[in-house]
């Protein structure tokens, strides 16, 4: 586009391109990618395929090796499912009830990710709360400084949580700010609104 429109010498274009890492993230907020960026997803798949497929293969060899790759991926997935079904995680936080209910909802690997979030939530606290209509807005932070504050919107009627960090929309598991509000409200079971439908 830069070449097509003849703007490769424009300072504004050069400056925007240098800052692309900042504005790229803004465009994918609220989009669910399970924590992956498009490039990392491609790189991950490519690294698996290149273990099985070589550029010197003819079409028949390519298909045979590619099928072996697919079989390996399916075997790894089945192995992860088996581990998740039969594995019993150990509880590691003082929020054992919430932790245990989450272990019953998530797969083992997602539960271990959530456990780290639960540990971080223990260092957070609700600084302020205010009611606006049917919503309560909780201001959550590590301390009372306003430069490190997140806002969790809670609707009691629907047991719905939304955080200003938008991590649940992007990664599919609740953030430490939302978990801090759960703990603050003595909710010891993960609400269905915070679990992605299967």
Protein backbone atom coordinates (compact mmCIF):
# COMPACT_ATOMS: atom_id res chain seq x y z
CA UNK A 1 0.00 0.00 0.00
CA UNK A 2 2.90 2.34 0.80
CA UNK A 3 4.36 1.86 -2.65
CA UNK A 4 0.98 1.91 -4.40
CA UNK A 5 0.03 5.29 -2.93
CA UNK A 6 3.56 6.74 -3.07
CA UNK A 7 3.83 7.58 0.64
CA UNK A 8 7.07 5.77 1.55
CA UNK A 9 8.83 9.08 2.30
CA UNK A 10 6.07 10.51 4.50
CA UNK A 11 7.15 10.88 8.13
CA UNK A 12 3.68 10.09 9.47
CA UNK A 13 3.61 6.71 7.64
CA UNK A 14 7.14 5.82 8.79
CA UNK A 15 6.29 6.77 12.38
CA UNK A 16 3.05 4.74 12.34
CA UNK A 17 4.89 1.71 10.98
CA UNK A 18 7.45 1.93 13.80
CA UNK A 19 4.57 1.93 16.31
CA UNK A 20 2.67 -0.95 14.63
CA UNK A 21 3.14 -3.24 17.65
CA UNK A 22 0.97 -0.82 19.66
CA UNK A 23 -1.93 -0.37 17.25
CA UNK A 24 -2.05 -3.97 16.05
CA UNK A 25 -3.17 -5.14 19.50
CA UNK A 26 -5.96 -2.55 19.60
CA UNK A 27 -7.54 -4.03 16.46
CA UNK A 28 -7.73 -7.58 17.86
CA UNK A 29 -9.14 -6.73 21.30
CA UNK A 30 -12.42 -8.50 22.06
CA UNK A 31 -11.53 -11.18 19.50
CA UNK A 32 -11.04 -14.68 20.87
CA UNK A 33 -7.77 -16.34 19.82
CA UNK A 34 -7.24 -18.62 22.85
CA UNK A 35 -4.16 -16.56 23.67
CA UNK A 36 -2.56 -17.02 20.24
CA UNK A 37 -1.57 -14.36 17.79
CA UNK A 38 -2.07 -15.22 14.13
CA UNK A 39 1.70 -15.46 13.53
CA UNK A 40 2.39 -17.70 16.51
CA UNK A 41 -0.43 -20.01 15.46
CA UNK A 42 1.08 -20.38 11.97
CA UNK A 43 4.60 -20.81 13.34
CA UNK A 44 3.41 -23.52 15.72
CA UNK A 45 1.68 -25.49 12.97
CA UNK A 46 4.64 -25.02 10.62
CA UNK A 47 7.11 -26.34 13.21
CA UNK A 48 5.05 -29.52 13.62
CA UNK A 49 4.57 -30.08 9.89
CA UNK A 50 8.23 -29.53 9.03
CA UNK A 51 9.17 -32.48 11.25
CA UNK A 52 7.20 -34.76 8.92
CA UNK A 53 7.22 -33.12 5.50
CA UNK A 54 10.20 -32.33 3.25
CA UNK A 55 10.20 -30.12 0.16
CA UNK A 56 11.85 -32.92 -1.86
CA UNK A 57 8.86 -35.26 -1.45
CA UNK A 58 6.70 -36.06 -4.44
CA UNK A 59 2.92 -35.78 -4.07
CA UNK A 60 2.39 -39.36 -2.85
CA UNK A 61 5.20 -39.09 -0.26
CA UNK A 62 3.89 -35.71 0.85
CA UNK A 63 0.40 -37.11 1.50
CA UNK A 64 1.78 -40.12 3.38
CA UNK A 65 3.98 -37.98 5.62
CA UNK A 66 1.31 -35.35 6.10
CA UNK A 67 -1.14 -38.06 7.25
CA UNK A 68 1.50 -39.25 9.75
CA UNK A 69 1.71 -35.68 11.04
CA UNK A 70 -2.08 -35.48 11.44
CA UNK A 71 -2.09 -38.85 13.23
CA UNK A 72 0.59 -37.58 15.62
CA UNK A 73 -1.39 -34.39 16.36
CA UNK A 74 -4.54 -36.42 17.06
CA UNK A 75 -2.60 -38.82 19.29
CA UNK A 76 -1.17 -35.89 21.31
CA UNK A 77 -4.67 -34.43 21.66
CA UNK A 78 -6.09 -37.77 22.85
CA UNK A 79 -3.21 -38.09 25.31
CA UNK A 80 -3.93 -34.59 26.67
CA UNK A 81 -7.65 -35.46 26.98
CA UNK A 82 -6.82 -38.65 28.89
CA UNK A 83 -4.49 -36.79 31.25
CA UNK A 84 -7.15 -34.14 31.81
CA UNK A 85 -9.90 -36.67 32.56
CA UNK A 86 -7.80 -38.88 34.86
CA UNK A 87 -5.54 -36.27 36.44
CA UNK A 88 -6.40 -34.84 39.83
CA UNK A 89 -4.92 -31.37 40.40
CA UNK A 90 -3.72 -30.33 43.83
CA UNK A 91 -5.26 -27.21 45.34
CA UNK A 92 -2.66 -24.51 45.98
CA UNK A 93 -4.46 -21.39 47.16
CA UNK A 94 -6.48 -20.33 50.16
CA UNK A 95 -9.56 -20.08 47.88
CA UNK A 96 -9.93 -23.85 47.82
CA UNK A 97 -13.69 -23.93 47.14
CA UNK A 98 -13.40 -21.68 44.08
CA UNK A 99 -10.30 -23.54 42.96
CA UNK A 100 -12.03 -26.92 43.30
CA UNK A 101 -15.13 -25.79 41.38
CA UNK A 102 -12.87 -24.51 38.59
CA UNK A 103 -11.00 -27.82 38.45
CA UNK A 104 -14.34 -29.49 37.69
CA UNK A 105 -15.08 -27.11 34.81
CA UNK A 106 -11.75 -26.66 33.01
CA UNK A 107 -9.38 -29.13 31.42
CA UNK A 108 -6.24 -29.80 33.43
CA UNK A 109 -4.01 -27.54 31.32
CA UNK A 110 -6.51 -24.63 31.44
CA UNK A 111 -6.99 -25.20 35.18
CA UNK A 112 -3.23 -24.79 35.77
CA UNK A 113 -3.35 -21.50 33.87
CA UNK A 114 -6.33 -20.41 36.00
CA UNK A 115 -4.46 -21.41 39.17
CA UNK A 116 -1.76 -18.82 38.37
CA UNK A 117 -4.50 -16.20 37.88
CA UNK A 118 -5.97 -17.16 41.27
CA UNK A 119 -2.58 -16.64 42.92
CA UNK A 120 -2.27 -13.18 41.33
CA UNK A 121 -5.85 -12.33 42.38
CA UNK A 122 -4.85 -12.87 46.01
CA UNK A 123 -2.61 -9.80 45.79
CA UNK A 124 -5.40 -7.63 44.32
CA UNK A 125 -8.07 -5.79 46.25
CA UNK A 126 -11.30 -3.95 45.57
CA UNK A 127 -10.50 -0.26 45.98
CA UNK A 128 -13.90 1.22 45.20
CA UNK A 129 -17.37 0.21 44.05
CA UNK A 130 -20.34 2.13 42.72
CA UNK A 131 -23.82 1.15 41.54
CA UNK A 132 -25.06 2.28 38.13
CA UNK A 133 -28.48 0.84 37.30
CA UNK A 134 -28.33 -2.95 37.48
CA UNK A 135 -24.50 -2.92 37.33
CA UNK A 136 -21.97 -2.57 40.10
CA UNK A 137 -18.59 -1.26 38.94
CA UNK A 138 -15.67 -2.49 41.02
CA UNK A 139 -12.33 -0.67 40.81
CA UNK A 140 -9.62 -3.28 41.38
CA UNK A 141 -5.90 -2.76 41.87
CA UNK A 142 -2.81 -3.73 43.81
CA UNK A 143 -3.12 -0.57 45.90
CA UNK A 144 -4.97 2.76 45.85
CA UNK A 145 -2.93 4.36 43.04
CA UNK A 146 -5.15 5.15 40.08
CA UNK A 147 -2.55 4.44 37.39
CA UNK A 148 -2.87 0.67 38.00
CA UNK A 149 -6.64 0.29 38.23
CA UNK A 150 -9.03 -2.01 36.37
CA UNK A 151 -12.81 -1.84 36.31
CA UNK A 152 -14.95 -4.96 36.66
CA UNK A 153 -18.61 -4.57 35.70
CA UNK A 154 -20.95 -6.97 37.49
CA UNK A 155 -24.64 -7.57 36.78
CA UNK A 156 -26.18 -9.46 39.71
CA UNK A 157 -29.31 -10.46 37.75
CA UNK A 158 -27.42 -12.38 35.08
CA UNK A 159 -24.25 -13.16 37.13
CA UNK A 160 -22.32 -11.50 34.31
CA UNK A 161 -18.80 -10.10 34.68
CA UNK A 162 -16.86 -7.84 32.28
CA UNK A 163 -13.41 -6.41 32.95
CA UNK A 164 -11.77 -3.41 31.32
CA UNK A 165 -8.68 -5.54 30.53
CA UNK A 166 -10.86 -7.71 28.21
CA UNK A 167 -8.77 -10.81 28.89
CA UNK A 168 -11.74 -13.17 29.06
CA UNK A 169 -12.85 -12.04 25.59
CA UNK A 170 -9.35 -12.64 24.20
CA UNK A 171 -8.10 -15.68 26.12
CA UNK A 172 -11.29 -17.36 27.28
CA UNK A 173 -10.46 -17.52 31.00
CA UNK A 174 -11.18 -14.88 33.63
CA UNK A 175 -8.54 -12.35 34.65
CA UNK A 176 -7.24 -11.78 38.19
CA UNK A 177 -9.34 -8.61 38.45
CA UNK A 178 -12.59 -10.52 37.92
CA UNK A 179 -11.43 -13.30 40.25
CA UNK A 180 -10.66 -10.65 42.89
CA UNK A 181 -14.30 -9.51 42.66
CA UNK A 182 -15.50 -13.14 42.92
CA UNK A 183 -13.49 -13.54 46.12
CA UNK A 184 -14.69 -10.15 47.41
CA UNK A 185 -18.31 -11.21 46.89
CA UNK A 186 -17.68 -14.66 48.49
CA UNK A 187 -18.63 -16.43 45.25
CA UNK A 188 -17.02 -19.84 45.56
CA UNK A 189 -18.20 -21.34 42.28
CA UNK A 190 -17.12 -20.06 38.88
CA UNK A 191 -20.20 -18.48 37.21
CA UNK A 192 -21.21 -19.96 33.84
CA UNK A 193 -20.81 -16.53 32.21
CA UNK A 194 -17.03 -16.90 32.75
CA UNK A 195 -16.82 -20.32 31.08
CA UNK A 196 -16.73 -20.50 27.29
CA UNK A 197 -19.38 -22.75 25.77
CA UNK A 198 -17.99 -26.03 24.40
